[in-house]
Every structure is written in C-alpha cells, then in structure tokens.
PDB file of N, CA and C in Angstrom:
ATOM      1  N   UNK A   1     201.542-139.557 156.037  1.00  0.00           N
ATOM      2  CA  UNK A   1     201.305-138.622 157.115  1.00  0.00           C
ATOM      3  C   UNK A   1     202.113-137.924 157.839  1.00  0.00           C
ATOM      4  N   UNK A   2     202.521-136.623 158.120  1.00  0.00           N
ATOM      5  CA  UNK A   2     203.609-136.199 158.449  1.00  0.00           C
ATOM      6  C   UNK A   2     203.920-136.987 160.127  1.00  0.00           C
ATOM      7  N   UNK A   3     205.177-137.088 160.402  1.00  0.00           N
ATOM      8  CA  UNK A   3     205.430-137.540 161.688  1.00  0.00           C
ATOM      9  C   UNK A   3     204.982-136.772 163.103  1.00  0.00           C
ATOM     10  N   UNK A   4     204.854-135.830 162.865  1.00  0.00           N
ATOM     11  CA  UNK A   4     203.989-135.167 163.962  1.00  0.00           C
ATOM     12  C   UNK A   4     202.735-135.578 164.150  1.00  0.00           C
ATOM     13  N   UNK A   5     201.951-135.580 163.092  1.00  0.00           N
ATOM     14  CA  UNK A   5     200.314-135.916 162.926  1.00  0.00           C
ATOM     15  C   UNK A   5     200.510-137.305 163.775  1.00  0.00           C
ATOM     16  N   UNK A   6     201.340-138.257 163.378  1.00  0.00           N
ATOM     17  CA  UNK A   6     201.517-139.610 164.014  1.00  0.00           C
ATOM     18  C   UNK A   6     201.538-139.870 165.108  1.00  0.00           C
ATOM     19  N   UNK A   7     202.691-138.798 165.844  1.00  0.00           N
ATOM     20  CA  UNK A   7     202.927-138.759 167.230  1.00  0.00           C
ATOM     21  C   UNK A   7     201.328-138.055 167.793  1.00  0.00           C
ATOM     22  N   UNK A   8     200.946-137.240 167.464  1.00  0.00           N
ATOM     23  CA  UNK A   8     199.516-136.738 167.895  1.00  0.00           C
ATOM     24  C   UNK A   8     198.506-137.840 168.133  1.00  0.00           C
ATOM     25  N   UNK A   9     198.412-138.290 166.648  1.00  0.00           N
ATOM     26  CA  UNK A   9     197.627-139.664 166.945  1.00  0.00           C
ATOM     27  C   UNK A   9     197.835-140.706 168.037  1.00  0.00           C
ATOM     28  N   UNK A  10     198.892-141.161 168.296  1.00  0.00           N
ATOM     29  CA  UNK A  10     199.471-142.150 169.188  1.00  0.00           C
ATOM     30  C   UNK A  10     198.990-141.466 170.505  1.00  0.00           C
ATOM     31  N   UNK A  11     199.317-140.334 170.923  1.00  0.00           N
ATOM     32  CA  UNK A  11     198.833-139.652 171.795  1.00  0.00           C
ATOM     33  C   UNK A  11     197.519-139.425 172.558  1.00  0.00           C
ATOM     34  N   UNK A  12     196.696-139.685 171.261  1.00  0.00           N
ATOM     35  CA  UNK A  12     195.234-139.209 171.559  1.00  0.00           C
ATOM     36  C   UNK A  12     194.421-140.628 171.675  1.00  0.00           C
ATOM     37  N   UNK A  13     195.065-141.266 171.084  1.00  0.00           N
ATOM     38  CA  UNK A  13     194.677-143.163 171.221  1.00  0.00           C
ATOM     39  C   UNK A  13     194.825-143.305 172.747  1.00  0.00           C
ATOM     40  N   UNK A  14     195.962-143.123 173.162  1.00  0.00           N
ATOM     41  CA  UNK A  14     196.644-143.558 174.501  1.00  0.00           C
ATOM     42  C   UNK A  14     195.765-142.868 175.643  1.00  0.00           C
ATOM     43  N   UNK A  15     195.446-141.708 175.170  1.00  0.00           N
ATOM     44  CA  UNK A  15     194.144-140.963 176.221  1.00  0.00           C
ATOM     45  C   UNK A  15     192.928-140.985 176.010  1.00  0.00           C
ATOM     46  N   UNK A  16     192.758-141.959 174.861  1.00  0.00           N
ATOM     47  CA  UNK A  16     190.867-142.375 174.409  1.00  0.00           C
ATOM     48  C   UNK A  16     190.247-141.128 173.871  1.00  0.00           C
ATOM     49  N   UNK A  17     191.005-140.387 173.468  1.00  0.00           N
ATOM     50  CA  UNK A  17     190.084-139.302 172.860  1.00  0.00           C
ATOM     51  C   UNK A  17     189.553-139.501 171.259  1.00  0.00           C
ATOM     52  N   UNK A  18     190.335-140.507 170.696  1.00  0.00           N
ATOM     53  CA  UNK A  18     190.122-141.365 169.509  1.00  0.00           C
ATOM     54  C   UNK A  18     190.197-142.550 169.726  1.00  0.00           C
ATOM     55  N   UNK A  19     189.416-143.390 168.930  1.00  0.00           N
ATOM     56  CA  UNK A  19     189.823-144.640 169.067  1.00  0.00           C
ATOM     57  C   UNK A  19     189.211-145.203 167.534  1.00  0.00           C
ATOM     58  N   UNK A  20     189.900-146.767 167.055  1.00  0.00           N
ATOM     59  CA  UNK A  20     189.615-147.140 165.994  1.00  0.00           C
ATOM     60  C   UNK A  20     188.844-148.274 166.203  1.00  0.00           C
ATOM     61  N   UNK A  21     187.505-147.870 165.050  1.00  0.00           N
ATOM     62  CA  UNK A  21     186.410-148.629 165.082  1.00  0.00           C
ATOM     63  C   UNK A  21     186.220-149.110 163.575  1.00  0.00           C
ATOM     64  N   UNK A  22     186.394-150.620 163.422  1.00  0.00           N
ATOM     65  CA  UNK A  22     186.312-150.733 162.025  1.00  0.00           C
ATOM     66  C   UNK A  22     187.202-150.317 161.134  1.00  0.00           C
ATOM     67  N   UNK A  23     188.452-150.107 161.767  1.00  0.00           N
ATOM     68  CA  UNK A  23     189.252-149.630 160.522  1.00  0.00           C
ATOM     69  C   UNK A  23     189.353-148.012 160.663  1.00  0.00           C
ATOM     70  N   UNK A  24     188.545-147.180 160.847  1.00  0.00           N
ATOM     71  CA  UNK A  24     188.319-145.967 160.906  1.00  0.00           C
ATOM     72  C   UNK A  24     188.857-145.480 162.382  1.00  0.00           C
ATOM     73  N   UNK A  25     189.294-144.061 162.467  1.00  0.00           N
ATOM     74  CA  UNK A  25     188.938-143.662 163.422  1.00  0.00           C
ATOM     75  C   UNK A  25     188.165-142.672 164.034  1.00  0.00           C
ATOM     76  N   UNK A  26     187.621-142.522 164.921  1.00  0.00           N
ATOM     77  CA  UNK A  26     186.635-141.658 165.633  1.00  0.00           C
ATOM     78  C   UNK A  26     186.997-141.317 166.788  1.00  0.00           C
ATOM     79  N   UNK A  27     186.509-139.858 167.077  1.00  0.00           N
ATOM     80  CA  UNK A  27     186.631-138.991 168.074  1.00  0.00           C
ATOM     81  C   UNK A  27     185.714-139.638 169.327  1.00  0.00           C
ATOM     82  N   UNK A  28     186.063-139.917 170.478  1.00  0.00           N
ATOM     83  CA  UNK A  28     185.026-140.027 171.516  1.00  0.00           C
ATOM     84  C   UNK A  28     184.429-138.817 172.056  1.00  0.00           C
ATOM     85  N   UNK A  29     185.430-138.020 171.993  1.00  0.00           N
ATOM     86  CA  UNK A  29     184.821-136.603 172.616  1.00  0.00           C
ATOM     87  C   UNK A  29     185.677-135.349 172.217  1.00  0.00           C
ATOM     88  N   UNK A  30     184.949-134.092 172.232  1.00  0.00           N
ATOM     89  CA  UNK A  30     185.605-133.228 171.863  1.00  0.00           C
ATOM     90  C   UNK A  30     187.149-132.840 172.009  1.00  0.00           C
ATOM     91  N   UNK A  31     187.873-132.280 170.734  1.00  0.00           N
ATOM     92  CA  UNK A  31     189.135-131.850 170.752  1.00  0.00           C
ATOM     93  C   UNK A  31     189.605-130.969 169.941  1.00  0.00           C
ATOM     94  N   UNK A  32     190.294-130.134 170.211  1.00  0.00           N
ATOM     95  CA  UNK A  32     190.722-128.830 169.693  1.00  0.00           C
ATOM     96  C   UNK A  32     191.696-128.853 168.850  1.00  0.00           C
ATOM     97  N   UNK A  33     191.422-128.281 167.356  1.00  0.00           N
ATOM     98  CA  UNK A  33     192.843-128.354 166.683  1.00  0.00           C
ATOM     99  C   UNK A  33     192.907-126.781 166.031  1.00  0.00           C
ATOM    100  N   UNK A  34     194.115-126.838 165.761  1.00  0.00           N
ATOM    101  CA  UNK A  34     194.582-125.277 164.759  1.00  0.00           C
ATOM    102  C   UNK A  34     193.531-125.101 163.544  1.00  0.00           C
ATOM    103  N   UNK A  35     193.140-126.082 163.084  1.00  0.00           N
ATOM    104  CA  UNK A  35     192.631-126.351 161.835  1.00  0.00           C
ATOM    105  C   UNK A  35     191.681-127.463 161.394  1.00  0.00           C
ATOM    106  N   UNK A  36     190.565-127.426 160.662  1.00  0.00           N
ATOM    107  CA  UNK A  36     189.957-128.513 160.342  1.00  0.00           C
ATOM    108  C   UNK A  36     190.585-129.685 159.508  1.00  0.00           C
ATOM    109  N   UNK A  37     191.546-129.074 158.830  1.00  0.00           N
ATOM    110  CA  UNK A  37     192.160-130.016 157.756  1.00  0.00           C
ATOM    111  C   UNK A  37     193.354-130.767 159.025  1.00  0.00           C
ATOM    112  N   UNK A  38     193.970-130.195 159.973  1.00  0.00           N
ATOM    113  CA  UNK A  38     194.598-130.965 160.834  1.00  0.00           C
ATOM    114  C   UNK A  38     194.057-131.887 161.577  1.00  0.00           C
ATOM    115  N   UNK A  39     192.728-131.795 161.852  1.00  0.00           N
ATOM    116  CA  UNK A  39     192.208-132.598 162.461  1.00  0.00           C
ATOM    117  C   UNK A  39     192.028-133.968 161.382  1.00  0.00           C
ATOM    118  N   UNK A  40     191.393-133.592 160.272  1.00  0.00           N
ATOM    119  CA  UNK A  40     191.134-134.508 158.911  1.00  0.00           C
ATOM    120  C   UNK A  40     192.303-135.259 158.368  1.00  0.00           C
ATOM    121  N   UNK A  41     193.212-134.628 158.619  1.00  0.00           N
ATOM    122  CA  UNK A  41     194.675-135.426 158.491  1.00  0.00           C
ATOM    123  C   UNK A  41     195.222-136.903 159.529  1.00  0.00           C
ATOM    124  N   UNK A  42     194.548-136.287 160.717  1.00  0.00           N
ATOM    125  CA  UNK A  42     195.027-137.138 161.776  1.00  0.00           C
ATOM    126  C   UNK A  42     193.793-138.426 162.017  1.00  0.00           C
ATOM    127  N   UNK A  43     192.906-138.197 161.342  1.00  0.00           N
ATOM    128  CA  UNK A  43     191.750-139.404 161.518  1.00  0.00           C
ATOM    129  C   UNK A  43     191.975-140.010 159.935  1.00  0.00           C
ATOM    130  N   UNK A  44     192.214-139.160 158.991  1.00  0.00           N
ATOM    131  CA  UNK A  44     192.339-140.018 157.663  1.00  0.00           C
ATOM    132  C   UNK A  44     193.644-140.900 157.584  1.00  0.00           C
ATOM    133  N   UNK A  45     194.783-140.197 158.068  1.00  0.00           N
ATOM    134  CA  UNK A  45     195.941-141.069 157.865  1.00  0.00           C
ATOM    135  C   UNK A  45     196.926-140.236 156.743  1.00  0.00           C
ATOM    136  N   UNK A  46     196.174-139.136 156.233  1.00  0.00           N
ATOM    137  CA  UNK A  46     196.950-138.696 155.053  1.00  0.00           C
ATOM    138  C   UNK A  46     196.774-137.253 154.809  1.00  0.00           C
ATOM    139  N   UNK A  47     197.170-136.597 153.986  1.00  0.00           N
ATOM    140  CA  UNK A  47     196.839-135.070 153.671  1.00  0.00           C
ATOM    141  C   UNK A  47     195.425-135.132 153.538  1.00  0.00           C
ATOM    142  N   UNK A  48     194.908-133.893 154.059  1.00  0.00           N
ATOM    143  CA  UNK A  48     193.303-133.924 153.899  1.00  0.00           C
ATOM    144  C   UNK A  48     192.897-132.377 154.040  1.00  0.00           C
ATOM    145  N   UNK A  49     191.964-132.160 153.297  1.00  0.00           N
ATOM    146  CA  UNK A  49     191.067-130.842 153.204  1.00  0.00           C
ATOM    147  C   UNK A  49     190.186-131.266 154.202  1.00  0.00           C
ATOM    148  N   UNK A  50     190.351-130.158 155.052  1.00  0.00           N
ATOM    149  CA  UNK A  50     189.198-130.843 156.122  1.00  0.00           C
ATOM    150  C   UNK A  50     188.040-130.092 156.024  1.00  0.00           C
ATOM    151  N   UNK A  51     187.456-128.863 155.472  1.00  0.00           N
ATOM    152  CA  UNK A  51     186.502-128.252 154.667  1.00  0.00           C
ATOM    153  C   UNK A  51     185.665-129.148 153.641  1.00  0.00           C
ATOM    154  N   UNK A  52     186.407-130.012 153.320  1.00  0.00           N
ATOM    155  CA  UNK A  52     185.463-130.632 152.079  1.00  0.00           C
ATOM    156  C   UNK A  52     185.480-132.587 152.790  1.00  0.00           C
ATOM    157  N   UNK A  53     186.258-132.843 153.484  1.00  0.00           N
ATOM    158  CA  UNK A  53     186.306-134.096 154.217  1.00  0.00           C
ATOM    159  C   UNK A  53     185.019-134.420 155.449  1.00  0.00           C
ATOM    160  N   UNK A  54     185.396-133.813 156.257  1.00  0.00           N
ATOM    161  CA  UNK A  54     184.337-133.805 157.349  1.00  0.00           C
ATOM    162  C   UNK A  54     182.902-133.352 156.735  1.00  0.00           C
ATOM    163  N   UNK A  55     181.762-134.387 156.993  1.00  0.00           N
ATOM    164  CA  UNK A  55     180.525-134.600 157.018  1.00  0.00           C
ATOM    165  C   UNK A  55     179.673-134.567 157.995  1.00  0.00           C
ATOM    166  N   UNK A  56     178.479-134.240 157.796  1.00  0.00           N
ATOM    167  CA  UNK A  56     177.733-134.331 158.819  1.00  0.00           C
ATOM    168  C   UNK A  56     176.698-135.940 158.590  1.00  0.00           C
ATOM    169  N   UNK A  57     175.882-135.913 159.676  1.00  0.00           N
ATOM    170  CA  UNK A  57     175.092-137.260 159.321  1.00  0.00           C
ATOM    171  C   UNK A  57     174.185-137.540 158.334  1.00  0.00           C
ATOM    172  N   UNK A  58     174.132-136.311 157.477  1.00  0.00           N
ATOM    173  CA  UNK A  58     173.045-136.137 156.176  1.00  0.00           C
ATOM    174  C   UNK A  58     174.111-136.175 155.085  1.00  0.00           C
ATOM    175  N   UNK A  59     175.958-136.083 155.227  1.00  0.00           N
ATOM    176  CA  UNK A  59     176.638-136.047 154.175  1.00  0.00           C
ATOM    177  C   UNK A  59     177.290-134.737 153.476  1.00  0.00           C
ATOM    178  N   UNK A  60     176.731-133.814 154.292  1.00  0.00           N
ATOM    179  CA  UNK A  60     176.832-132.454 153.924  1.00  0.00           C
ATOM    180  C   UNK A  60     178.474-131.874 154.434  1.00  0.00           C
ATOM    181  N   UNK A  61     179.298-131.663 153.740  1.00  0.00           N
ATOM    182  CA  UNK A  61     180.516-131.431 154.183  1.00  0.00           C
ATOM    183  C   UNK A  61     180.297-129.906 154.706  1.00  0.00           C
ATOM    184  N   UNK A  62     181.732-129.436 155.310  1.00  0.00           N
ATOM    185  CA  UNK A  62     181.620-127.722 155.869  1.00  0.00           C
ATOM    186  C   UNK A  62     181.600-126.881 154.739  1.00  0.00           C
ATOM    187  N   UNK A  63     181.815-127.299 153.708  1.00  0.00           N
ATOM    188  CA  UNK A  63     181.944-126.559 152.400  1.00  0.00           C
ATOM    189  C   UNK A  63     180.512-126.294 152.343  1.00  0.00           C
ATOM    190  N   UNK A  64     179.486-127.220 152.261  1.00  0.00           N
ATOM    191  CA  UNK A  64     178.447-127.290 151.621  1.00  0.00           C
ATOM    192  C   UNK A  64     177.538-126.689 152.858  1.00  0.00           C
ATOM    193  N   UNK A  65     177.940-126.713 153.961  1.00  0.00           N
ATOM    194  CA  UNK A  65     177.184-125.815 154.933  1.00  0.00           C
ATOM    195  C   UNK A  65     177.386-124.512 155.045  1.00  0.00           C
ATOM    196  N   UNK A  66     178.631-124.297 154.906  1.00  0.00           N
ATOM    197  CA  UNK A  66     179.097-122.813 154.715  1.00  0.00           C
ATOM    198  C   UNK A  66     179.342-121.820 153.666  1.00  0.00           C
ATOM    199  N   UNK A  67     178.558-122.442 152.588  1.00  0.00           N
ATOM    200  CA  UNK A  67     178.526-121.985 151.309  1.00  0.00           C
ATOM    201  C   UNK A  67     179.551-122.119 150.268  1.00  0.00           C
ATOM    202  N   UNK A  68     180.345-123.194 150.237  1.00  0.00           N
ATOM    203  CA  UNK A  68     181.654-123.684 149.425  1.00  0.00           C
ATOM    204  C   UNK A  68     182.791-123.272 149.792  1.00  0.00           C
ATOM    205  N   UNK A  69     183.865-123.649 148.838  1.00  0.00           N
ATOM    206  CA  UNK A  69     185.284-123.602 149.148  1.00  0.00           C
ATOM    207  C   UNK A  69     185.561-122.177 149.269  1.00  0.00           C
ATOM    208  N   UNK A  70     185.001-121.250 148.770  1.00  0.00           N
ATOM    209  CA  UNK A  70     185.306-119.798 148.596  1.00  0.00           C
ATOM    210  C   UNK A  70     185.218-119.214 150.062  1.00  0.00           C
ATOM    211  N   UNK A  71     184.169-119.562 150.635  1.00  0.00           N
ATOM    212  CA  UNK A  71     183.850-118.979 152.217  1.00  0.00           C
ATOM    213  C   UNK A  71     184.574-118.854 152.518  1.00  0.00           C
ATOM    214  N   UNK A  72     184.991-117.283 153.434  1.00  0.00           N
ATOM    215  CA  UNK A  72     185.916-116.894 154.335  1.00  0.00           C
ATOM    216  C   UNK A  72     185.583-116.145 155.297  1.00  0.00           C
ATOM    217  N   UNK A  73     185.801-116.498 156.600  1.00  0.00           N
ATOM    218  CA  UNK A  73     185.208-115.721 157.907  1.00  0.00           C
ATOM    219  C   UNK A  73     185.932-114.322 157.914  1.00  0.00           C
ATOM    220  N   UNK A  74     184.878-113.354 158.011  1.00  0.00           N
ATOM    221  CA  UNK A  74     185.179-112.034 158.186  1.00  0.00           C
ATOM    222  C   UNK A  74     185.777-111.826 159.888  1.00  0.00           C
ATOM    223  N   UNK A  75     186.767-111.164 159.597  1.00  0.00           N
ATOM    224  CA  UNK A  75     187.342-111.002 160.478  1.00  0.00           C
ATOM    225  C   UNK A  75     187.264-109.582 161.500  1.00  0.00           C
TER     226      UNK A  75
END
C-alpha cells in the first residue's frame, strides 16, 4: 500500500471513521474519497480496482450495478 494511503488509514482509524473488525477494515460512517479505487485501496491494504472490489449486501459489484467495466459517466 502506498505510504500516503497508510497515513490516511492511520488518521481514519484514530478518528473512528474506520475500524478493524475480524481482520478487516470497515467504515463506521460516510467518508468521501476522490475515487472508489482510493477507498478500496485504503481498506484492502493493497492496490485495488474499486469498481470491481466494492460489493453490496447481495455480492454485486459497482461494475455489475452500473453495466460493466466499460461504463463511463456522461459529463
């Protein structure tokens, strides 16, 4: 994990925004990130593609919900 991500993780832990539960990090409240991948990297502790990594309670990824990896938001 990049040093900056480690620093952000330590800060979020200290502030109670994330906590470790059974060897995993979970958010205790909403927190904004510049990208879903940045947030995924922070909790996974490694490089992570957020659109594939984040899952809802039924196991569906953001890619699944938004129509696959080629989905692009229209600006």
